[in-house]
Amino acid sequence: MSTENEGNEGNAVPPAPSAPPVPVDTPAAASAESAPSGPSGDPYAAPAGDAARDVPPAPTGDVPPAPPGHPENTGHSGHPVPAPAGPPAQGAHPVPAGATGHYAGAPAHAAPAAGSGSWPPPQPPAMPSYATGGGSGSGWGASYHPEEPKPGGRRGGLVAAVLAAALLAGGVGGGIGYWAAERNDNDTGSTTVSASDTPADLKREPGSVAGIANKALPSVVTIEAQSGGGEGGTGTGFVYDRQGHILTNNHVVASAAEGGKLQATFSNGKKYAAEVVGRAEGYDVAVIKLKNAPEGLKPLSLGDSDRVAVGDSTIAIGAPFGLSNTVTTGIVSAKNRPVTSSDGGQGGKSSYMSALQTDASINPGNSGGPLLDARGAVIGINSAIKPADSGGGLGGSGQSGSIGLGFAIPVNQAKNVAQQLIKTGKPVYPVIGASVALQQDGTNGATISQDGVNGAAAITPNGPADKAGLKPGDVITKLDDTVVDSGPTLIGQIWTHKPGDTVKLTYERGGKEHTVDVTLGQRKGDS
């Protein structure tokens, strides 16, 4: 925008047209009635027409006329505007020769004529008059009536400068934005940022939870057990060997053990009928076998539960509340936790274990499923939970959810039991040949009972305890280095060994502590 004559008090400078002047037929020397109409109040707008005809002559007097023979103004920089001879049109404002900017319709960048730099142009009148008629609507600004100028003649220029700066900044920002968009997506110009890899291309580390689950799930089955009377439930198991043996809990398959039906469903949806190979009620371990087992079965690798440490990561896989192929994670929150659990109401019999405790979410239906370590190896069989609404018992037939207290049979024990069941169909239990109280009697340990089960002797004659000199009323407080606080704790610790193993028992008698070595005997089958 031009800022010429900003010092003219009260005369704001209108903007230059964005298009060239439109010629009219009225010559510059015509009367006021035939002159082109200009914008009222604009002292610099020239009448429309060719430059040679429409521009009024330069004033006489001290202002020398433009040299004759100069070319006509073409609107290009450096070309002066000629001063035609003759008086100016009546009422028209005289325009000095060589004037630039808005004079005579010349562009704002036109250079002054030669010799014009030594004299200043005269001050224009405050409100020049323009001829009427002859081009209403045909010349630029013919019908434009600007508002009266407001105080502060420089405001228009300042606003224009700010506007120009804003437009420039916007242009720069737009350019940067376009460049960034082009860099992000050369095809569409979109500013959306896309991930470089699609889900199909993602490769997870073998040791990640997703990697372990992806490898283990095809070897985990959901077991549906149904009794002859139509009752049953759902649990979990996992492939033990390539012959089709599945390892699970006894309480998962107990209802179908006598004339019932078993079905195992793999993660791919394929279903197979199964049958019970053997059950160990005391261990809560069972082995079933698939009928018409498919080829290519992949057994889960078994870890070493003795080497597990508190804080190790755990992954549990199962079918909580029938939701097959569910994966949860946690840690080993305790070891050697004495746990007594029922078998789901089957004759009131209980199982005992020195369990691995985990906070991985385990719910009804997870029973029999694998508890994996961070390598994907089985370290336990998920077997029992401590439900929130229980009266202190574990396991049972209740349907309460997990509160972060789950218990798994150590896999070293489960493996020994599975081998016995596959070989003979019956479990073998290590024993000391003595009955102990299962309820706390105020003492801190396992007290040898005064009477045995069903009237039998509390200490089996010529059994391991008898040979070691133990007597009814002795309180066993330790087995090796493990503290024994109750009868179930002692049973669970004994069952982590094999028949023939020698263990060291610490016991109290008459207020004195004694230590003795005991070689474990055995009992076959569930009594």
Protein backbone atom coordinates (compact mmCIF):
# COMPACT_ATOMS: atom_id res chain seq x y z
CA MET A 1 0.00 0.00 0.00
CA SER A 2 1.24 3.48 -0.86
CA THR A 3 1.92 5.92 1.95
CA GLU A 4 2.49 9.11 -0.10
CA ASN A 5 1.48 12.45 1.39
CA GLU A 6 0.76 10.96 4.78
CA GLY A 7 1.42 14.40 6.21
CA ASN A 8 -1.60 15.94 4.47
CA GLU A 9 -3.74 16.71 7.38
CA GLY A 10 -7.17 15.28 7.02
CA ASN A 11 -6.50 13.74 3.62
CA ALA A 12 -6.20 9.99 3.88
CA VAL A 13 -4.61 8.29 0.93
CA PRO A 14 -6.86 5.75 -0.77
CA PRO A 15 -5.39 2.48 -1.95
CA ALA A 16 -4.17 2.04 -5.47
CA PRO A 17 -6.41 0.03 -7.76
CA SER A 18 -5.58 -3.62 -8.31
CA ALA A 19 -6.55 -3.37 -11.97
CA PRO A 20 -5.52 -0.93 -14.75
CA PRO A 21 -7.76 2.09 -15.53
CA VAL A 22 -10.63 1.50 -17.89
CA PRO A 23 -10.52 3.93 -20.85
CA VAL A 24 -13.43 6.24 -21.63
CA ASP A 25 -14.18 8.23 -24.72
CA THR A 26 -14.18 11.67 -23.06
CA PRO A 27 -10.95 13.56 -23.68
CA ALA A 28 -9.14 15.37 -20.93
CA ALA A 29 -10.05 18.79 -22.39
CA ALA A 30 -13.79 18.06 -22.40
CA SER A 31 -16.23 19.88 -20.23
CA ALA A 32 -17.12 18.81 -16.73
CA GLU A 33 -20.25 17.11 -18.04
CA SER A 34 -18.24 14.74 -20.27
CA ALA A 35 -15.34 13.99 -17.92
CA PRO A 36 -15.21 10.55 -16.29
CA SER A 37 -16.48 10.31 -12.81
CA GLY A 38 -13.99 9.56 -10.07
CA PRO A 39 -14.42 8.62 -6.45
CA SER A 40 -15.63 11.55 -4.46
CA GLY A 41 -13.07 12.75 -1.97
CA ASP A 42 -10.11 10.91 -3.53
CA PRO A 43 -7.54 13.56 -4.45
CA TYR A 44 -5.32 11.12 -6.32
CA ALA A 45 -7.63 8.99 -8.38
CA ALA A 46 -7.25 9.89 -12.05
CA PRO A 47 -10.06 9.92 -14.61
CA ALA A 48 -10.20 6.75 -16.65
CA GLY A 49 -8.83 6.74 -20.18
CA ASP A 50 -5.61 6.48 -22.18
CA ALA A 51 -2.66 8.15 -20.54
CA ALA A 52 -2.11 10.57 -23.48
CA ARG A 53 -5.70 11.81 -23.38
CA ASP A 54 -6.90 11.41 -19.82
CA VAL A 55 -4.09 12.96 -17.83
CA PRO A 56 -4.56 16.71 -17.28
CA PRO A 57 -1.70 18.96 -18.33
CA ALA A 58 0.97 19.92 -15.90
CA PRO A 59 0.51 23.32 -14.28
CA THR A 60 2.19 26.34 -15.74
CA GLY A 61 4.44 28.70 -13.95
CA ASP A 62 7.39 27.42 -12.04
CA VAL A 63 6.68 23.83 -13.00
CA PRO A 64 8.36 23.05 -16.32
CA PRO A 65 6.45 20.86 -18.69
CA ALA A 66 7.67 17.40 -19.53
CA PRO A 67 10.01 17.29 -22.51
CA PRO A 68 8.22 16.79 -25.81
CA GLY A 69 8.52 13.56 -27.66
CA HIS A 70 8.59 11.35 -24.59
CA PRO A 71 6.83 8.03 -25.05
CA GLU A 72 3.48 7.50 -23.56
CA ASN A 73 3.17 5.96 -20.13
CA THR A 74 2.94 2.21 -20.34
CA GLY A 75 2.51 1.57 -16.65
CA HIS A 76 6.07 0.19 -16.39
CA SER A 77 8.62 1.47 -13.94
CA GLY A 78 10.89 4.11 -15.40
CA HIS A 79 8.43 5.36 -17.99
CA PRO A 80 7.37 8.97 -17.23
CA VAL A 81 3.89 10.24 -17.85
CA PRO A 82 3.78 12.88 -20.68
CA ALA A 83 2.19 16.25 -20.02
CA PRO A 84 -0.30 16.95 -22.82
CA ALA A 85 -0.77 20.54 -23.90
CA GLY A 86 -3.90 22.40 -23.24
CA PRO A 87 -5.81 23.54 -20.18
CA PRO A 88 -7.07 21.00 -17.75
CA ALA A 89 -10.62 19.87 -17.80
CA GLN A 90 -13.03 22.06 -15.98
CA GLY A 91 -13.21 21.10 -12.36
CA ALA A 92 -10.44 18.55 -12.73
CA HIS A 93 -7.50 18.60 -10.46
CA PRO A 94 -4.28 19.32 -12.28
CA VAL A 95 -1.73 16.51 -12.06
CA PRO A 96 1.89 17.53 -12.33
CA ALA A 97 3.93 15.95 -15.04
CA GLY A 98 6.15 13.17 -13.92
CA ALA A 99 4.09 12.44 -10.81
CA THR A 100 4.19 8.86 -9.62
CA GLY A 101 2.00 6.59 -7.55
CA HIS A 102 -1.68 7.42 -7.91
CA TYR A 103 -1.16 10.34 -10.27
CA ALA A 104 -2.58 9.78 -13.74
CA GLY A 105 -3.35 6.17 -12.99
CA ALA A 106 0.34 5.26 -12.96
CA PRO A 107 1.38 2.29 -10.82
CA ALA A 108 2.78 3.04 -7.39
CA HIS A 109 6.27 1.92 -8.41
CA ALA A 110 6.59 4.20 -11.47
CA ALA A 111 9.67 6.44 -11.46
CA PRO A 112 9.33 10.25 -11.81
CA ALA A 113 10.01 11.95 -15.12
CA ALA A 114 13.40 13.42 -15.83
CA GLY A 115 13.91 16.81 -14.23
CA SER A 116 10.98 16.42 -11.83
CA GLY A 117 13.09 15.82 -8.73
CA SER A 118 13.84 19.55 -8.26
CA TRP A 119 10.34 20.62 -7.57
CA PRO A 120 7.71 19.28 -5.15
CA PRO A 121 4.21 18.60 -6.42
CA PRO A 122 1.57 21.10 -5.31
CA GLN A 123 -0.77 20.21 -2.48
CA PRO A 124 -4.02 18.76 -3.87
CA PRO A 125 -7.34 20.23 -2.82
CA ALA A 126 -9.07 18.64 0.11
CA MET A 127 -12.08 17.51 -1.95
CA PRO A 128 -11.54 17.57 -5.71
CA SER A 129 -14.55 17.44 -7.98
CA TYR A 130 -14.96 14.97 -10.80
CA ALA A 131 -17.05 15.21 -13.95
CA THR A 132 -20.30 13.41 -13.83
CA GLY A 133 -21.62 10.93 -16.24
CA GLY A 134 -19.79 8.86 -18.76
CA GLY A 135 -18.84 5.71 -17.04
CA SER A 136 -20.90 4.99 -14.01
CA GLY A 137 -20.02 1.40 -13.40
CA SER A 138 -17.51 1.38 -16.24
CA GLY A 139 -14.53 2.92 -14.43
CA TRP A 140 -12.89 1.50 -11.25
CA GLY A 141 -14.06 3.28 -8.13
CA ALA A 142 -16.78 5.13 -10.03
CA SER A 143 -19.46 4.29 -7.49
CA TYR A 144 -17.23 3.99 -4.41
CA HIS A 145 -17.82 6.53 -1.63
CA PRO A 146 -15.27 6.21 1.12
CA GLU A 147 -16.10 7.16 4.67
CA GLU A 148 -14.93 10.39 6.18
CA PRO A 149 -11.35 10.13 7.39
CA LYS A 150 -10.90 9.56 11.10
CA PRO A 151 -8.39 11.35 13.29
CA GLY A 152 -4.95 9.89 13.05
CA GLY A 153 -3.97 9.80 9.41
CA ARG A 154 -1.28 7.18 9.98
CA ARG A 155 -3.66 4.53 11.26
CA GLY A 156 -4.52 3.19 7.83
CA GLY A 157 -0.88 2.71 7.01
CA LEU A 158 -0.22 1.06 10.36
CA VAL A 159 -3.17 -1.30 9.95
CA ALA A 160 -1.95 -2.15 6.47
CA ALA A 161 1.54 -2.81 7.76
CA VAL A 162 0.23 -5.05 10.54
CA LEU A 163 -2.03 -6.84 8.06
CA ALA A 164 0.88 -7.33 5.69
CA ALA A 165 3.02 -8.70 8.53
CA ALA A 166 0.23 -11.05 9.58
CA LEU A 167 -0.19 -12.28 6.05
CA LEU A 168 3.54 -12.78 5.75
CA ALA A 169 3.68 -14.71 9.01
CA GLY A 170 0.71 -16.78 7.94
CA GLY A 171 2.39 -17.51 4.66
CA VAL A 172 5.56 -18.61 6.41
CA GLY A 173 3.60 -20.78 8.83
CA GLY A 174 1.58 -22.26 6.00
CA GLY A 175 4.75 -23.02 4.11
CA ILE A 176 6.29 -24.75 7.10
CA GLY A 177 3.09 -26.69 7.73
CA TYR A 178 2.95 -27.80 4.12
CA TRP A 179 6.61 -28.81 4.20
CA ALA A 180 6.05 -30.83 7.38
CA ALA A 181 2.96 -32.48 5.95
CA GLU A 182 4.79 -33.29 2.77
CA ARG A 183 7.60 -34.83 4.81
CA ASN A 184 5.15 -36.96 6.79
CA ASP A 185 3.11 -38.23 3.88
CA ASN A 186 4.31 -37.51 0.37
CA ASP A 187 1.28 -39.13 -1.24
CA THR A 188 -1.65 -37.28 0.32
CA GLY A 189 -0.21 -34.24 2.07
CA SER A 190 -1.99 -35.35 5.24
CA THR A 191 -0.67 -34.29 8.63
CA THR A 192 -1.75 -37.61 10.16
CA VAL A 193 1.15 -39.61 11.56
CA SER A 194 1.00 -43.33 10.79
CA ALA A 195 2.82 -46.15 12.57
CA SER A 196 5.58 -47.64 10.47
CA ASP A 197 4.54 -51.20 11.25
CA THR A 198 1.15 -52.84 10.95
CA PRO A 199 0.00 -55.34 13.61
CA ALA A 200 0.81 -58.18 11.22
CA ASP A 201 4.39 -57.00 11.03
CA LEU A 202 4.94 -56.74 14.78
CA LYS A 203 7.37 -59.30 16.14
CA ARG A 204 7.31 -59.85 19.87
CA GLU A 205 10.27 -61.08 21.83
CA PRO A 206 10.15 -64.79 22.75
CA GLY A 207 10.45 -63.88 26.44
CA SER A 208 7.54 -61.42 26.42
CA VAL A 209 4.19 -62.37 27.94
CA ALA A 210 2.64 -62.27 24.48
CA GLY A 211 5.40 -64.49 23.09
CA ILE A 212 5.09 -67.03 25.92
CA ALA A 213 1.29 -67.10 25.71
CA ASN A 214 1.37 -67.49 21.94
CA LYS A 215 3.65 -70.52 22.30
CA ALA A 216 1.84 -72.11 25.26
CA LEU A 217 -1.82 -71.67 24.31
CA PRO A 218 -1.89 -74.41 21.65
CA SER A 219 -0.85 -76.90 24.37
CA VAL A 220 -3.52 -75.87 26.90
CA VAL A 221 -7.00 -77.42 26.85
CA THR A 222 -10.34 -76.58 28.40
CA ILE A 223 -11.83 -79.66 30.08
CA GLU A 224 -15.55 -80.27 30.36
CA ALA A 225 -16.42 -83.00 32.85
CA GLN A 226 -19.90 -84.47 33.16
CA SER A 227 -21.07 -87.13 35.57
CA GLY A 228 -23.44 -89.94 34.70
CA GLY A 229 -26.23 -87.86 36.19
CA GLY A 230 -25.46 -84.88 33.96
CA GLU A 231 -23.69 -82.78 36.57
CA GLY A 232 -20.23 -81.41 36.00
CA GLY A 233 -18.06 -78.39 35.46
CA THR A 234 -15.23 -76.82 33.53
CA GLY A 235 -11.52 -76.77 34.26
CA THR A 236 -8.18 -76.68 32.49
CA GLY A 237 -5.32 -79.03 31.64
CA PHE A 238 -2.17 -79.05 29.51
CA VAL A 239 -0.41 -81.51 27.22
CA TYR A 240 2.01 -83.67 29.20
CA ASP A 241 3.42 -85.86 26.45
CA ARG A 242 3.06 -86.65 22.74
CA GLN A 243 0.94 -89.72 23.47
CA GLY A 244 -2.00 -87.48 24.41
CA HIS A 245 -1.77 -87.47 28.20
CA ILE A 246 -3.21 -84.33 29.79
CA LEU A 247 -2.21 -83.20 33.30
CA THR A 248 -4.87 -81.53 35.45
CA ASN A 249 -6.42 -81.45 38.94
CA ASN A 250 -8.30 -84.33 40.43
CA HIS A 251 -11.22 -82.11 41.41
CA VAL A 252 -11.63 -81.06 37.75
CA VAL A 253 -12.33 -84.62 36.52
CA ALA A 254 -13.62 -86.30 39.69
CA SER A 255 -17.28 -85.97 38.67
CA ALA A 256 -16.66 -87.85 35.42
CA ALA A 257 -14.40 -90.56 36.89
CA GLU A 258 -17.20 -93.10 37.32
CA GLY A 259 -19.22 -93.49 34.15
CA GLY A 260 -19.14 -89.83 33.13
CA LYS A 261 -17.89 -88.00 30.04
CA LEU A 262 -14.80 -85.93 29.44
CA GLN A 263 -14.08 -83.57 26.56
CA ALA A 264 -10.95 -81.52 25.91
CA THR A 265 -11.03 -78.45 23.67
CA PHE A 266 -7.85 -76.93 22.25
CA SER A 267 -7.31 -73.25 21.62
CA ASN A 268 -8.01 -73.78 17.90
CA GLY A 269 -11.49 -75.04 18.77
CA LYS A 270 -10.88 -78.73 18.05
CA LYS A 271 -12.55 -81.06 20.53
CA TYR A 272 -11.49 -84.54 21.62
CA ALA A 273 -13.12 -87.08 23.88
CA ALA A 274 -10.95 -88.17 26.80
CA GLU A 275 -10.82 -90.74 29.58
CA VAL A 276 -9.36 -90.82 33.09
CA VAL A 277 -6.01 -92.61 33.41
CA GLY A 278 -5.50 -92.10 37.14
CA ARG A 279 -6.34 -89.78 40.02
CA ALA A 280 -4.58 -88.81 43.23
CA GLU A 281 -7.10 -87.28 45.61
CA GLY A 282 -4.54 -86.38 48.28
CA TYR A 283 -2.29 -84.60 45.79
CA ASP A 284 -5.24 -83.20 43.79
CA VAL A 285 -3.55 -84.40 40.61
CA ALA A 286 -5.09 -86.36 37.74
CA VAL A 287 -4.04 -87.60 34.32
CA ILE A 288 -6.49 -88.04 31.45
CA LYS A 289 -5.79 -89.20 27.90
CA LEU A 290 -7.26 -88.00 24.62
CA LYS A 291 -9.10 -90.59 22.56
CA ASN A 292 -7.80 -90.53 18.98
CA ALA A 293 -5.12 -88.04 19.96
CA PRO A 294 -3.94 -85.93 17.01
CA GLU A 295 -0.38 -86.02 15.72
CA GLY A 296 1.98 -83.18 16.39
CA LEU A 297 1.04 -82.56 20.01
CA LYS A 298 3.51 -80.25 21.72
CA PRO A 299 3.95 -80.89 25.45
CA LEU A 300 4.71 -77.91 27.63
CA SER A 301 8.24 -77.94 29.00
CA LEU A 302 8.47 -78.56 32.75
CA GLY A 303 10.59 -76.32 34.96
CA ASP A 304 12.14 -76.89 38.38
CA SER A 305 9.84 -75.68 41.13
CA ASP A 306 12.57 -76.12 43.75
CA ARG A 307 14.57 -73.32 42.14
CA VAL A 308 11.71 -70.83 42.04
CA ALA A 309 12.29 -67.63 44.03
CA VAL A 310 9.79 -65.27 45.58
CA GLY A 311 9.31 -62.38 43.18
CA ASP A 312 9.75 -64.45 40.02
CA SER A 313 7.27 -63.61 37.25
CA THR A 314 4.35 -65.95 36.66
CA ILE A 315 1.84 -66.49 33.86
CA ALA A 316 -1.38 -68.41 34.45
CA ILE A 317 -3.46 -69.85 31.61
CA GLY A 318 -6.91 -71.29 32.01
CA ALA A 319 -10.68 -70.97 31.57
CA PRO A 320 -11.94 -68.83 34.48
CA PHE A 321 -15.71 -69.10 34.68
CA GLY A 322 -15.62 -70.94 31.35
CA LEU A 323 -13.68 -68.20 29.50
CA SER A 324 -11.20 -70.38 27.66
CA ASN A 325 -7.66 -69.32 26.72
CA THR A 326 -7.45 -66.62 29.38
CA VAL A 327 -3.94 -65.39 30.24
CA THR A 328 -3.08 -63.55 33.46
CA THR A 329 0.23 -62.51 34.99
CA GLY A 330 1.74 -61.98 38.42
CA ILE A 331 4.65 -63.08 40.57
CA VAL A 332 5.51 -65.85 42.98
CA SER A 333 4.39 -64.21 46.21
CA ALA A 334 5.38 -67.06 48.56
CA LYS A 335 6.80 -70.58 48.59
CA ASN A 336 6.04 -73.67 50.67
CA ARG A 337 2.63 -72.29 51.61
CA PRO A 338 0.71 -75.05 53.46
CA VAL A 339 -2.66 -75.42 51.78
CA THR A 340 -5.53 -77.77 52.48
CA SER A 341 -8.28 -77.80 49.91
CA SER A 342 -11.42 -79.82 49.41
CA ASP A 343 -12.08 -81.83 46.30
CA GLY A 344 -15.29 -80.03 45.44
CA GLY A 345 -17.56 -81.99 47.73
CA GLN A 346 -16.52 -85.49 46.68
CA GLY A 347 -17.00 -87.36 49.95
CA GLY A 348 -15.47 -84.58 52.06
CA LYS A 349 -11.92 -85.63 51.14
CA SER A 350 -9.15 -83.07 51.18
CA SER A 351 -5.80 -82.57 49.49
CA TYR A 352 -2.62 -81.18 51.00
CA MET A 353 0.13 -79.28 49.32
CA SER A 354 3.16 -77.16 50.06
CA ALA A 355 2.06 -74.69 47.43
CA LEU A 356 3.53 -71.94 45.34
CA GLN A 357 1.52 -68.80 46.07
CA THR A 358 0.92 -66.34 43.24
CA ASP A 359 -1.00 -63.11 42.77
CA ALA A 360 -1.76 -63.93 39.14
CA SER A 361 -5.53 -63.82 38.76
CA ILE A 362 -6.89 -67.37 39.26
CA ASN A 363 -10.61 -68.11 39.38
CA PRO A 364 -12.88 -71.17 39.25
CA GLY A 365 -12.13 -72.79 35.89
CA ASN A 366 -8.39 -72.04 36.10
CA SER A 367 -7.93 -75.24 38.12
CA GLY A 368 -5.60 -77.71 36.44
CA GLY A 369 -4.03 -75.10 34.19
CA PRO A 370 -0.31 -74.37 34.02
CA LEU A 371 1.50 -71.74 36.04
CA LEU A 372 4.46 -70.70 33.88
CA ASP A 373 7.67 -68.90 34.67
CA ALA A 374 9.29 -66.12 32.64
CA ARG A 375 10.77 -68.71 30.24
CA GLY A 376 7.41 -70.34 29.57
CA ALA A 377 8.22 -73.50 31.57
CA VAL A 378 5.59 -75.04 33.86
CA ILE A 379 6.42 -74.50 37.53
CA GLY A 380 3.04 -75.48 38.99
CA ILE A 381 -0.54 -76.61 38.48
CA ASN A 382 -3.07 -73.98 39.52
CA SER A 383 -5.25 -75.68 42.10
CA ALA A 384 -6.81 -73.45 44.77
CA ILE A 385 -7.66 -69.88 45.69
CA LYS A 386 -8.50 -68.01 48.86
CA PRO A 387 -11.91 -66.50 48.02
CA ALA A 388 -12.94 -63.27 49.65
CA ASP A 389 -16.17 -64.63 51.15
CA SER A 390 -14.81 -67.92 52.44
CA GLY A 391 -14.67 -68.72 56.10
CA GLY A 392 -10.95 -69.37 55.95
CA GLY A 393 -10.98 -72.49 53.80
CA LEU A 394 -9.34 -72.87 50.42
CA GLY A 395 -10.69 -74.27 47.20
CA GLY A 396 -14.19 -75.62 47.69
CA SER A 397 -17.15 -75.37 45.37
CA GLY A 398 -17.78 -71.65 45.82
CA GLN A 399 -17.68 -69.33 42.82
CA SER A 400 -15.97 -66.35 44.42
CA GLY A 401 -13.42 -64.48 42.35
CA SER A 402 -9.71 -63.94 42.79
CA ILE A 403 -8.38 -61.63 45.47
CA GLY A 404 -4.77 -62.23 44.50
CA LEU A 405 -4.23 -65.35 46.62
CA GLY A 406 -3.82 -68.30 44.27
CA PHE A 407 -2.02 -71.57 44.97
CA ALA A 408 -0.35 -74.04 42.65
CA ILE A 409 0.98 -77.56 43.18
CA PRO A 410 4.75 -77.47 42.61
CA VAL A 411 5.49 -79.13 39.28
CA ASN A 412 8.25 -81.34 40.70
CA GLN A 413 5.65 -83.03 42.88
CA ALA A 414 3.03 -83.11 40.13
CA LYS A 415 5.50 -84.72 37.72
CA ASN A 416 6.27 -87.55 40.14
CA VAL A 417 2.57 -88.16 40.69
CA ALA A 418 1.85 -88.10 36.94
CA GLN A 419 4.51 -90.71 36.27
CA GLN A 420 2.98 -92.97 38.94
CA LEU A 421 -0.52 -92.55 37.53
CA ILE A 422 0.55 -93.23 33.94
CA LYS A 423 2.50 -96.31 35.05
CA THR A 424 0.09 -97.92 37.53
CA GLY A 425 -3.06 -95.81 37.56
CA LYS A 426 -2.64 -95.32 41.33
CA PRO A 427 -0.79 -92.73 43.40
CA VAL A 428 1.98 -93.54 45.86
CA TYR A 429 2.32 -91.38 48.99
CA PRO A 430 5.40 -91.03 51.24
CA VAL A 431 4.50 -91.49 54.93
CA ILE A 432 6.10 -91.45 58.40
CA GLY A 433 3.64 -94.01 59.81
CA ALA A 434 1.99 -91.70 62.38
CA SER A 435 -1.34 -89.89 62.65
CA VAL A 436 -1.26 -86.17 63.45
CA ALA A 437 -3.98 -83.75 64.51
CA LEU A 438 -5.36 -81.68 61.63
CA GLN A 439 -6.83 -79.01 63.92
CA GLN A 440 -4.73 -76.61 65.94
CA ASP A 441 -4.78 -77.53 69.61
CA GLY A 442 -2.99 -74.48 70.94
CA THR A 443 0.48 -75.86 70.25
CA ASN A 444 2.84 -74.51 67.61
CA GLY A 445 3.52 -77.64 65.60
CA ALA A 446 2.06 -81.00 64.47
CA THR A 447 1.01 -83.11 67.42
CA ILE A 448 1.03 -86.93 67.06
CA SER A 449 -2.47 -88.12 67.95
CA GLN A 450 -3.27 -90.40 70.82
CA ASP A 451 -5.49 -92.53 68.59
CA GLY A 452 -5.31 -93.38 64.90
CA VAL A 453 -8.02 -93.29 62.22
CA ASN A 454 -10.97 -95.65 62.75
CA GLY A 455 -9.55 -97.01 65.96
CA ALA A 456 -6.14 -97.88 64.53
CA ALA A 457 -2.91 -97.18 66.38
CA ALA A 458 -1.66 -93.61 66.14
CA ILE A 459 1.84 -94.91 65.31
CA THR A 460 2.10 -97.75 62.79
CA PRO A 461 3.96 -100.65 64.40
CA ASN A 462 7.40 -101.11 62.91
CA GLY A 463 6.80 -98.11 60.71
CA PRO A 464 9.21 -95.19 60.11
CA ALA A 465 8.03 -93.18 63.14
CA ASP A 466 8.05 -96.22 65.39
CA LYS A 467 11.58 -97.06 64.30
CA ALA A 468 12.68 -93.44 64.99
CA GLY A 469 11.28 -93.61 68.57
CA LEU A 470 8.42 -91.15 68.11
CA LYS A 471 5.42 -91.44 70.48
CA PRO A 472 1.86 -90.08 70.73
CA GLY A 473 1.88 -86.55 72.14
CA ASP A 474 5.20 -85.59 70.56
CA VAL A 475 5.03 -82.20 68.83
CA ILE A 476 6.91 -82.07 65.52
CA THR A 477 8.19 -78.51 64.93
CA LYS A 478 10.52 -78.93 61.96
CA LEU A 479 11.07 -81.09 58.90
CA ASP A 480 14.61 -80.46 57.74
CA ASP A 481 14.85 -76.65 57.75
CA THR A 482 11.15 -75.99 57.26
CA VAL A 483 9.15 -74.83 60.26
CA VAL A 484 6.08 -76.97 60.90
CA ASP A 485 3.18 -75.12 62.52
CA SER A 486 0.33 -77.63 62.01
CA GLY A 487 -0.61 -81.13 60.94
CA PRO A 488 -1.52 -80.11 57.35
CA THR A 489 1.84 -78.32 57.04
CA LEU A 490 3.67 -81.53 58.03
CA ILE A 491 1.67 -83.64 55.55
CA GLY A 492 2.26 -81.16 52.74
CA GLN A 493 6.01 -81.11 53.41
CA ILE A 494 6.24 -84.91 53.56
CA TRP A 495 4.43 -85.20 50.21
CA THR A 496 7.06 -83.10 48.50
CA HIS A 497 9.41 -86.09 48.92
CA LYS A 498 9.48 -89.64 47.60
CA PRO A 499 9.22 -92.90 49.49
CA GLY A 500 12.68 -93.92 50.70
CA ASP A 501 13.91 -90.36 51.27
CA THR A 502 15.46 -89.61 54.66
CA VAL A 503 14.30 -86.47 56.44
CA LYS A 504 15.30 -84.87 59.74
CA LEU A 505 12.48 -84.30 62.22
CA THR A 506 12.72 -81.92 65.16
CA TYR A 507 10.16 -82.54 67.92
CA GLU A 508 9.40 -81.57 71.51
CA ARG A 509 8.65 -83.96 74.34
CA GLY A 510 8.28 -82.91 77.96
CA GLY A 511 9.55 -79.42 77.17
CA LYS A 512 12.74 -80.68 75.60
CA GLU A 513 13.71 -80.55 71.92
CA HIS A 514 14.92 -83.62 70.07
CA THR A 515 16.10 -84.34 66.53
CA VAL A 516 15.82 -87.65 64.70
CA ASP A 517 16.31 -88.98 61.14
CA VAL A 518 13.34 -90.75 59.59
CA THR A 519 13.30 -92.82 56.38
CA LEU A 520 9.96 -92.33 54.68
CA GLY A 521 7.73 -95.27 53.91
CA GLN A 522 4.92 -95.45 51.34
CA ARG A 523 1.22 -95.96 50.91
CA LYS A 524 -0.35 -96.95 47.61
CA GLY A 525 -3.65 -95.56 46.47
CA ASP A 526 -6.16 -93.35 48.19
CA SER A 527 -7.62 -94.78 51.34
